[in-house]
Amino acid sequence: MLFNCECHSFDEVERQLIKAVRCSLAQARAWSWEVHSKGSAVVYKGPQERCEAVAGVLEDIKLAVKVSQ
């Protein structure tokens, strides 16, 4: 789960999503808009270990994330 914050630009979030989840720019834009408008979005589902790795990449730029089962 990725949470909204006012400390990152859309471009920063999108670049980090592409890096973390290996998604397209279009998908990264859709998620970043969902996070901005709804406050959060599920940006990855999968095995716990991979979810934690994705969260780690997002946290590299201080994005607020939560991994849950």
PDB file of N, CA and C in Angstrom:
ATOM      1  N   MET A   1       0.853  -1.167   0.000  1.00  0.00           N
ATOM      2  CA  MET A   1       0.000   0.000   0.000  1.00  0.00           C
ATOM      3  C   MET A   1       0.899   1.230   0.000  1.00  0.00           C
ATOM      4  N   LEU A   2       0.643   2.129  -0.924  1.00  0.00           N
ATOM      5  CA  LEU A   2       1.377   3.392  -1.013  1.00  0.00           C
ATOM      6  C   LEU A   2       0.449   4.504  -0.563  1.00  0.00           C
ATOM      7  N   PHE A   3       0.952   5.377   0.304  1.00  0.00           N
ATOM      8  CA  PHE A   3       0.154   6.462   0.868  1.00  0.00           C
ATOM      9  C   PHE A   3       0.559   7.812   0.299  1.00  0.00           C
ATOM     10  N   ASN A   4      -0.407   8.720   0.258  1.00  0.00           N
ATOM     11  CA  ASN A   4      -0.164  10.058  -0.260  1.00  0.00           C
ATOM     12  C   ASN A   4       0.681  10.879   0.713  1.00  0.00           C
ATOM     13  N   CYS A   5       1.500  11.715   0.140  1.00  0.00           N
ATOM     14  CA  CYS A   5       2.224  12.730   0.910  1.00  0.00           C
ATOM     15  C   CYS A   5       2.427  13.919  -0.010  1.00  0.00           C
ATOM     16  N   GLU A   6       2.606  15.046   0.553  1.00  0.00           N
ATOM     17  CA  GLU A   6       2.779  16.263  -0.242  1.00  0.00           C
ATOM     18  C   GLU A   6       4.254  16.590  -0.482  1.00  0.00           C
ATOM     19  N   CYS A   7       5.141  15.659  -0.144  1.00  0.00           N
ATOM     20  CA  CYS A   7       6.570  15.949  -0.207  1.00  0.00           C
ATOM     21  C   CYS A   7       7.248  15.429  -1.479  1.00  0.00           C
ATOM     22  N   HIS A   8       6.493  14.785  -2.371  1.00  0.00           N
ATOM     23  CA  HIS A   8       7.059  14.265  -3.613  1.00  0.00           C
ATOM     24  C   HIS A   8       6.222  14.714  -4.800  1.00  0.00           C
ATOM     25  N   SER A   9       6.899  14.942  -5.918  1.00  0.00           N
ATOM     26  CA  SER A   9       6.177  15.290  -7.142  1.00  0.00           C
ATOM     27  C   SER A   9       5.616  14.020  -7.782  1.00  0.00           C
ATOM     28  N   PHE A  10       4.681  14.194  -8.685  1.00  0.00           N
ATOM     29  CA  PHE A  10       4.147  13.053  -9.427  1.00  0.00           C
ATOM     30  C   PHE A  10       5.282  12.335 -10.157  1.00  0.00           C
ATOM     31  N   ASP A  11       6.179  13.112 -10.761  1.00  0.00           N
ATOM     32  CA  ASP A  11       7.296  12.518 -11.501  1.00  0.00           C
ATOM     33  C   ASP A  11       8.169  11.642 -10.608  1.00  0.00           C
ATOM     34  N   GLU A  12       8.469  12.117  -9.405  1.00  0.00           N
ATOM     35  CA  GLU A  12       9.291  11.337  -8.477  1.00  0.00           C
ATOM     36  C   GLU A  12       8.608  10.019  -8.115  1.00  0.00           C
ATOM     37  N   VAL A  13       7.327  10.099  -7.802  1.00  0.00           N
ATOM     38  CA  VAL A  13       6.578   8.898  -7.421  1.00  0.00           C
ATOM     39  C   VAL A  13       6.509   7.934  -8.596  1.00  0.00           C
ATOM     40  N   GLU A  14       6.223   8.448  -9.773  1.00  0.00           N
ATOM     41  CA  GLU A  14       6.117   7.596 -10.956  1.00  0.00           C
ATOM     42  C   GLU A  14       7.438   6.908 -11.271  1.00  0.00           C
ATOM     43  N   ARG A  15       8.531   7.638 -11.217  1.00  0.00           N
ATOM     44  CA  ARG A  15       9.850   7.025 -11.470  1.00  0.00           C
ATOM     45  C   ARG A  15      10.142   5.915 -10.468  1.00  0.00           C
ATOM     46  N   GLN A  16       9.813   6.150  -9.212  1.00  0.00           N
ATOM     47  CA  GLN A  16      10.091   5.149  -8.181  1.00  0.00           C
ATOM     48  C   GLN A  16       9.180   3.934  -8.334  1.00  0.00           C
ATOM     49  N   LEU A  17       7.931   4.141  -8.707  1.00  0.00           N
ATOM     50  CA  LEU A  17       7.027   3.013  -8.961  1.00  0.00           C
ATOM     51  C   LEU A  17       7.540   2.148 -10.107  1.00  0.00           C
ATOM     52  N   ILE A  18       7.985   2.788 -11.189  1.00  0.00           N
ATOM     53  CA  ILE A  18       8.525   2.042 -12.326  1.00  0.00           C
ATOM     54  C   ILE A  18       9.730   1.222 -11.879  1.00  0.00           C
ATOM     55  N   LYS A  19      10.567   1.809 -11.073  1.00  0.00           N
ATOM     56  CA  LYS A  19      11.757   1.111 -10.563  1.00  0.00           C
ATOM     57  C   LYS A  19      11.372  -0.040  -9.634  1.00  0.00           C
ATOM     58  N   ALA A  20      10.411   0.193  -8.750  1.00  0.00           N
ATOM     59  CA  ALA A  20      10.054  -0.792  -7.725  1.00  0.00           C
ATOM     60  C   ALA A  20       9.229  -1.950  -8.275  1.00  0.00           C
ATOM     61  N   VAL A  21       8.243  -1.628  -9.113  1.00  0.00           N
ATOM     62  CA  VAL A  21       7.273  -2.628  -9.539  1.00  0.00           C
ATOM     63  C   VAL A  21       7.498  -3.064 -10.991  1.00  0.00           C
ATOM     64  N   ARG A  22       8.380  -2.333 -11.676  1.00  0.00           N
ATOM     65  CA  ARG A  22       8.667  -2.617 -13.086  1.00  0.00           C
ATOM     66  C   ARG A  22       7.399  -2.533 -13.938  1.00  0.00           C
ATOM     67  N   CYS A  23       6.660  -1.444 -13.724  1.00  0.00           N
ATOM     68  CA  CYS A  23       5.423  -1.215 -14.459  1.00  0.00           C
ATOM     69  C   CYS A  23       5.670  -0.182 -15.553  1.00  0.00           C
ATOM     70  N   SER A  24       4.664   0.020 -16.374  1.00  0.00           N
ATOM     71  CA  SER A  24       4.733   1.034 -17.428  1.00  0.00           C
ATOM     72  C   SER A  24       4.539   2.430 -16.822  1.00  0.00           C
ATOM     73  N   LEU A  25       4.908   3.428 -17.594  1.00  0.00           N
ATOM     74  CA  LEU A  25       4.675   4.804 -17.162  1.00  0.00           C
ATOM     75  C   LEU A  25       3.180   5.053 -17.013  1.00  0.00           C
ATOM     76  N   ALA A  26       2.377   4.507 -17.903  1.00  0.00           N
ATOM     77  CA  ALA A  26       0.925   4.685 -17.820  1.00  0.00           C
ATOM     78  C   ALA A  26       0.378   4.117 -16.509  1.00  0.00           C
ATOM     79  N   GLN A  27       0.855   2.942 -16.110  1.00  0.00           N
ATOM     80  CA  GLN A  27       0.397   2.341 -14.856  1.00  0.00           C
ATOM     81  C   GLN A  27       0.870   3.160 -13.663  1.00  0.00           C
ATOM     82  N   ALA A  28       2.121   3.600 -13.704  1.00  0.00           N
ATOM     83  CA  ALA A  28       2.663   4.419 -12.618  1.00  0.00           C
ATOM     84  C   ALA A  28       1.852   5.709 -12.472  1.00  0.00           C
ATOM     85  N   ARG A  29       1.470   6.302 -13.588  1.00  0.00           N
ATOM     86  CA  ARG A  29       0.659   7.526 -13.545  1.00  0.00           C
ATOM     87  C   ARG A  29      -0.719   7.252 -12.949  1.00  0.00           C
ATOM     88  N   ALA A  30      -1.323   6.136 -13.336  1.00  0.00           N
ATOM     89  CA  ALA A  30      -2.638   5.784 -12.795  1.00  0.00           C
ATOM     90  C   ALA A  30      -2.564   5.602 -11.281  1.00  0.00           C
ATOM     91  N   TRP A  31      -1.546   4.890 -10.810  1.00  0.00           N
ATOM     92  CA  TRP A  31      -1.398   4.688  -9.366  1.00  0.00           C
ATOM     93  C   TRP A  31      -1.108   5.999  -8.647  1.00  0.00           C
ATOM     94  N   SER A  32      -0.235   6.813  -9.207  1.00  0.00           N
ATOM     95  CA  SER A  32       0.103   8.069  -8.521  1.00  0.00           C
ATOM     96  C   SER A  32      -1.131   8.973  -8.428  1.00  0.00           C
ATOM     97  N   TRP A  33      -1.989   8.960  -9.447  1.00  0.00           N
ATOM     98  CA  TRP A  33      -3.218   9.753  -9.382  1.00  0.00           C
ATOM     99  C   TRP A  33      -4.179   9.177  -8.341  1.00  0.00           C
ATOM    100  N   GLU A  34      -4.276   7.843  -8.284  1.00  0.00           N
ATOM    101  CA  GLU A  34      -5.142   7.204  -7.282  1.00  0.00           C
ATOM    102  C   GLU A  34      -4.673   7.546  -5.868  1.00  0.00           C
ATOM    103  N   VAL A  35      -3.376   7.474  -5.643  1.00  0.00           N
ATOM    104  CA  VAL A  35      -2.811   7.811  -4.333  1.00  0.00           C
ATOM    105  C   VAL A  35      -3.114   9.270  -4.001  1.00  0.00           C
ATOM    106  N   HIS A  36      -2.932  10.147  -4.967  1.00  0.00           N
ATOM    107  CA  HIS A  36      -3.183  11.575  -4.751  1.00  0.00           C
ATOM    108  C   HIS A  36      -4.650  11.848  -4.444  1.00  0.00           C
ATOM    109  N   SER A  37      -5.549  11.217  -5.183  1.00  0.00           N
ATOM    110  CA  SER A  37      -6.966  11.535  -5.035  1.00  0.00           C
ATOM    111  C   SER A  37      -7.669  10.754  -3.926  1.00  0.00           C
ATOM    112  N   LYS A  38      -7.235   9.513  -3.663  1.00  0.00           N
ATOM    113  CA  LYS A  38      -7.896   8.691  -2.650  1.00  0.00           C
ATOM    114  C   LYS A  38      -7.106   8.556  -1.349  1.00  0.00           C
ATOM    115  N   GLY A  39      -5.839   8.956  -1.372  1.00  0.00           N
ATOM    116  CA  GLY A  39      -5.028   8.882  -0.163  1.00  0.00           C
ATOM    117  C   GLY A  39      -4.115   7.673  -0.097  1.00  0.00           C
ATOM    118  N   SER A  40      -4.436   6.632  -0.868  1.00  0.00           N
ATOM    119  CA  SER A  40      -3.579   5.441  -0.893  1.00  0.00           C
ATOM    120  C   SER A  40      -3.995   4.550  -2.059  1.00  0.00           C
ATOM    121  N   ALA A  41      -3.125   3.600  -2.376  1.00  0.00           N
ATOM    122  CA  ALA A  41      -3.425   2.626  -3.428  1.00  0.00           C
ATOM    123  C   ALA A  41      -2.581   1.381  -3.210  1.00  0.00           C
ATOM    124  N   VAL A  42      -3.141   0.248  -3.557  1.00  0.00           N
ATOM    125  CA  VAL A  42      -2.370  -1.003  -3.579  1.00  0.00           C
ATOM    126  C   VAL A  42      -1.603  -1.000  -4.888  1.00  0.00           C
ATOM    127  N   VAL A  43      -0.277  -0.995  -4.800  1.00  0.00           N
ATOM    128  CA  VAL A  43       0.550  -0.913  -6.011  1.00  0.00           C
ATOM    129  C   VAL A  43       1.259  -2.221  -6.324  1.00  0.00           C
ATOM    130  N   TYR A  44       1.156  -3.192  -5.435  1.00  0.00           N
ATOM    131  CA  TYR A  44       1.761  -4.496  -5.709  1.00  0.00           C
ATOM    132  C   TYR A  44       1.111  -5.543  -4.834  1.00  0.00           C
ATOM    133  N   LYS A  45       0.855  -6.707  -5.434  1.00  0.00           N
ATOM    134  CA  LYS A  45       0.385  -7.883  -4.698  1.00  0.00           C
ATOM    135  C   LYS A  45       1.253  -9.051  -5.126  1.00  0.00           C
ATOM    136  N   GLY A  46       1.672  -9.844  -4.155  1.00  0.00           N
ATOM    137  CA  GLY A  46       2.502 -10.993  -4.465  1.00  0.00           C
ATOM    138  C   GLY A  46       3.046 -11.613  -3.196  1.00  0.00           C
ATOM    139  N   PRO A  47       4.081 -12.441  -3.362  1.00  0.00           N
ATOM    140  CA  PRO A  47       4.700 -13.078  -2.198  1.00  0.00           C
ATOM    141  C   PRO A  47       5.248 -12.033  -1.216  1.00  0.00           C
ATOM    142  N   GLN A  48       5.166 -12.353   0.059  1.00  0.00           N
ATOM    143  CA  GLN A  48       5.591 -11.429   1.126  1.00  0.00           C
ATOM    144  C   GLN A  48       6.998 -10.881   0.880  1.00  0.00           C
ATOM    145  N   GLU A  49       7.916 -11.752   0.516  1.00  0.00           N
ATOM    146  CA  GLU A  49       9.309 -11.325   0.320  1.00  0.00           C
ATOM    147  C   GLU A  49       9.409 -10.280  -0.798  1.00  0.00           C
ATOM    148  N   ARG A  50       8.695 -10.502  -1.880  1.00  0.00           N
ATOM    149  CA  ARG A  50       8.722  -9.551  -2.998  1.00  0.00           C
ATOM    150  C   ARG A  50       8.024  -8.244  -2.607  1.00  0.00           C
ATOM    151  N   CYS A  51       6.931  -8.331  -1.852  1.00  0.00           N
ATOM    152  CA  CYS A  51       6.247  -7.123  -1.378  1.00  0.00           C
ATOM    153  C   CYS A  51       7.187  -6.277  -0.524  1.00  0.00           C
ATOM    154  N   GLU A  52       7.940  -6.917   0.319  1.00  0.00           N
ATOM    155  CA  GLU A  52       8.889  -6.191   1.165  1.00  0.00           C
ATOM    156  C   GLU A  52       9.996  -5.556   0.333  1.00  0.00           C
ATOM    157  N   ALA A  53      10.429  -6.237  -0.726  1.00  0.00           N
ATOM    158  CA  ALA A  53      11.450  -5.672  -1.615  1.00  0.00           C
ATOM    159  C   ALA A  53      10.911  -4.438  -2.342  1.00  0.00           C
ATOM    160  N   VAL A  54       9.678  -4.528  -2.831  1.00  0.00           N
ATOM    161  CA  VAL A  54       9.034  -3.387  -3.489  1.00  0.00           C
ATOM    162  C   VAL A  54       8.910  -2.229  -2.511  1.00  0.00           C
ATOM    163  N   ALA A  55       8.461  -2.506  -1.306  1.00  0.00           N
ATOM    164  CA  ALA A  55       8.328  -1.465  -0.282  1.00  0.00           C
ATOM    165  C   ALA A  55       9.680  -0.811   0.000  1.00  0.00           C
ATOM    166  N   GLY A  56      10.728  -1.603   0.046  1.00  0.00           N
ATOM    167  CA  GLY A  56      12.061  -1.065   0.295  1.00  0.00           C
ATOM    168  C   GLY A  56      12.498  -0.076  -0.770  1.00  0.00           C
ATOM    169  N   VAL A  57      12.205  -0.383  -2.026  1.00  0.00           N
ATOM    170  CA  VAL A  57      12.561   0.531  -3.115  1.00  0.00           C
ATOM    171  C   VAL A  57      11.747   1.822  -3.004  1.00  0.00           C
ATOM    172  N   LEU A  58      10.473   1.701  -2.699  1.00  0.00           N
ATOM    173  CA  LEU A  58       9.641   2.902  -2.531  1.00  0.00           C
ATOM    174  C   LEU A  58      10.109   3.732  -1.344  1.00  0.00           C
ATOM    175  N   GLU A  59      10.520   3.081  -0.291  1.00  0.00           N
ATOM    176  CA  GLU A  59      11.006   3.784   0.906  1.00  0.00           C
ATOM    177  C   GLU A  59      12.357   4.458   0.673  1.00  0.00           C
ATOM    178  N   ASP A  60      13.077   4.051  -0.370  1.00  0.00           N
ATOM    179  CA  ASP A  60      14.380   4.669  -0.662  1.00  0.00           C
ATOM    180  C   ASP A  60      14.272   6.186  -0.809  1.00  0.00           C
ATOM    181  N   ILE A  61      13.127   6.658  -1.305  1.00  0.00           N
ATOM    182  CA  ILE A  61      12.952   8.113  -1.430  1.00  0.00           C
ATOM    183  C   ILE A  61      11.958   8.641  -0.385  1.00  0.00           C
ATOM    184  N   LYS A  62      11.778   7.861   0.667  1.00  0.00           N
ATOM    185  CA  LYS A  62      10.955   8.258   1.806  1.00  0.00           C
ATOM    186  C   LYS A  62       9.449   8.290   1.502  1.00  0.00           C
ATOM    187  N   LEU A  63       9.001   7.433   0.580  1.00  0.00           N
ATOM    188  CA  LEU A  63       7.570   7.295   0.356  1.00  0.00           C
ATOM    189  C   LEU A  63       6.987   6.499   1.513  1.00  0.00           C
ATOM    190  N   ALA A  64       5.752   6.802   1.860  1.00  0.00           N
ATOM    191  CA  ALA A  64       5.074   6.112   2.969  1.00  0.00           C
ATOM    192  C   ALA A  64       4.382   4.868   2.417  1.00  0.00           C
ATOM    193  N   VAL A  65       4.799   3.703   2.920  1.00  0.00           N
ATOM    194  CA  VAL A  65       4.249   2.436   2.449  1.00  0.00           C
ATOM    195  C   VAL A  65       3.912   1.532   3.621  1.00  0.00           C
ATOM    196  N   LYS A  66       3.080   0.526   3.342  1.00  0.00           N
ATOM    197  CA  LYS A  66       2.746  -0.484   4.343  1.00  0.00           C
ATOM    198  C   LYS A  66       2.591  -1.810   3.621  1.00  0.00           C
ATOM    199  N   VAL A  67       3.235  -2.836   4.157  1.00  0.00           N
ATOM    200  CA  VAL A  67       3.093  -4.185   3.642  1.00  0.00           C
ATOM    201  C   VAL A  67       2.168  -4.937   4.587  1.00  0.00           C
ATOM    202  N   SER A  68       1.133  -5.543   4.033  1.00  0.00           N
ATOM    203  CA  SER A  68       0.223  -6.334   4.859  1.00  0.00           C
ATOM    204  C   SER A  68      -0.179  -7.599   4.124  1.00  0.00           C
ATOM    205  N   GLN A  69      -0.745  -8.529   4.878  1.00  0.00           N
ATOM    206  CA  GLN A  69      -1.159  -9.795   4.283  1.00  0.00           C
ATOM    207  C   GLN A  69      -2.626  -9.799   3.983  1.00  0.00           C
TER     208      GLN A  69
END
